[in-house]
Amino acid sequence: MCLGVVLIILGLVCAGYGYTQNNTLEAQISSLLQSGATNPGTIFIFLGIGVAIVGVLLCIYSIVRKK
């Protein structure tokens, strides 16, 4: 449970850092889809979202397992 909460916080911080690296999320995604080029901000955003999802799944798993 504790690891899941830490991963959620880490994921949100990482996504927030990536968002501040670039202009907007829409501009980053359109740049990725049109030219295929990624910048560090986009990588941090997707990495942060992934880590946060893993954290949520760990929290849910630990709550279900306790019952």
Protein backbone atom coordinates (compact mmCIF):
# COMPACT_ATOMS: atom_id res chain seq x y z
CA MET A 1 0.00 0.00 0.00
CA CYS A 2 2.78 2.39 0.96
CA LEU A 3 4.71 1.65 -2.23
CA GLY A 4 1.58 2.33 -4.29
CA VAL A 5 1.09 5.74 -2.68
CA VAL A 6 4.75 6.61 -3.25
CA LEU A 7 4.46 5.60 -6.91
CA ILE A 8 1.32 7.71 -7.36
CA ILE A 9 3.07 10.76 -5.91
CA LEU A 10 6.21 10.11 -7.96
CA GLY A 11 4.14 9.71 -11.11
CA LEU A 12 2.29 12.98 -10.55
CA VAL A 13 5.53 14.84 -9.86
CA CYS A 14 7.15 13.36 -12.95
CA ALA A 15 4.16 14.25 -15.15
CA GLY A 16 4.04 17.75 -13.70
CA TYR A 17 7.75 18.23 -14.38
CA GLY A 18 7.29 17.10 -17.97
CA TYR A 19 4.36 19.45 -18.40
CA THR A 20 6.43 22.42 -17.23
CA GLN A 21 9.24 21.46 -19.61
CA ASN A 22 7.13 22.29 -22.67
CA ASN A 23 4.29 24.49 -23.76
CA THR A 24 1.12 22.42 -23.64
CA LEU A 25 0.19 18.77 -23.66
CA GLU A 26 -1.69 19.16 -26.94
CA ALA A 27 1.38 20.65 -28.66
CA GLN A 28 3.56 17.83 -27.40
CA ILE A 29 1.19 15.08 -28.54
CA SER A 30 0.67 16.67 -31.95
CA SER A 31 4.44 16.99 -32.35
CA LEU A 32 4.82 13.32 -31.49
CA LEU A 33 2.09 12.21 -33.90
CA GLN A 34 3.05 14.47 -36.81
CA SER A 35 6.83 14.30 -36.86
CA GLY A 36 7.49 11.30 -34.64
CA ALA A 37 10.01 13.34 -32.67
CA THR A 38 9.77 13.26 -28.91
CA ASN A 39 11.16 15.79 -26.54
CA PRO A 40 12.10 15.18 -22.90
CA GLY A 41 8.90 16.77 -21.60
CA THR A 42 6.71 14.31 -23.49
CA ILE A 43 8.74 11.39 -22.19
CA PHE A 44 8.38 12.60 -18.60
CA ILE A 45 4.62 13.04 -19.00
CA PHE A 46 4.03 9.54 -20.35
CA LEU A 47 6.45 8.01 -17.85
CA GLY A 48 4.71 9.83 -14.99
CA ILE A 49 1.28 8.68 -16.13
CA GLY A 50 2.52 5.10 -16.36
CA VAL A 51 4.09 5.17 -12.91
CA ALA A 52 0.93 6.68 -11.40
CA ILE A 53 -1.21 3.96 -12.99
CA VAL A 54 1.06 1.26 -11.56
CA GLY A 55 0.76 2.94 -8.16
CA VAL A 56 -3.03 2.96 -8.32
CA LEU A 57 -3.08 -0.70 -9.33
CA LEU A 58 -0.76 -1.59 -6.43
CA CYS A 59 -3.03 0.26 -3.99
CA ILE A 60 -6.12 -1.50 -5.31
CA TYR A 61 -4.37 -4.88 -5.20
CA SER A 62 -3.26 -4.39 -1.62
CA ILE A 63 -6.75 -3.32 -0.50
CA VAL A 64 -8.41 -6.29 -2.23
CA ARG A 65 -5.82 -8.71 -0.86
CA LYS A 66 -6.44 -7.61 2.75
CA LYS A 67 -10.13 -8.56 2.53
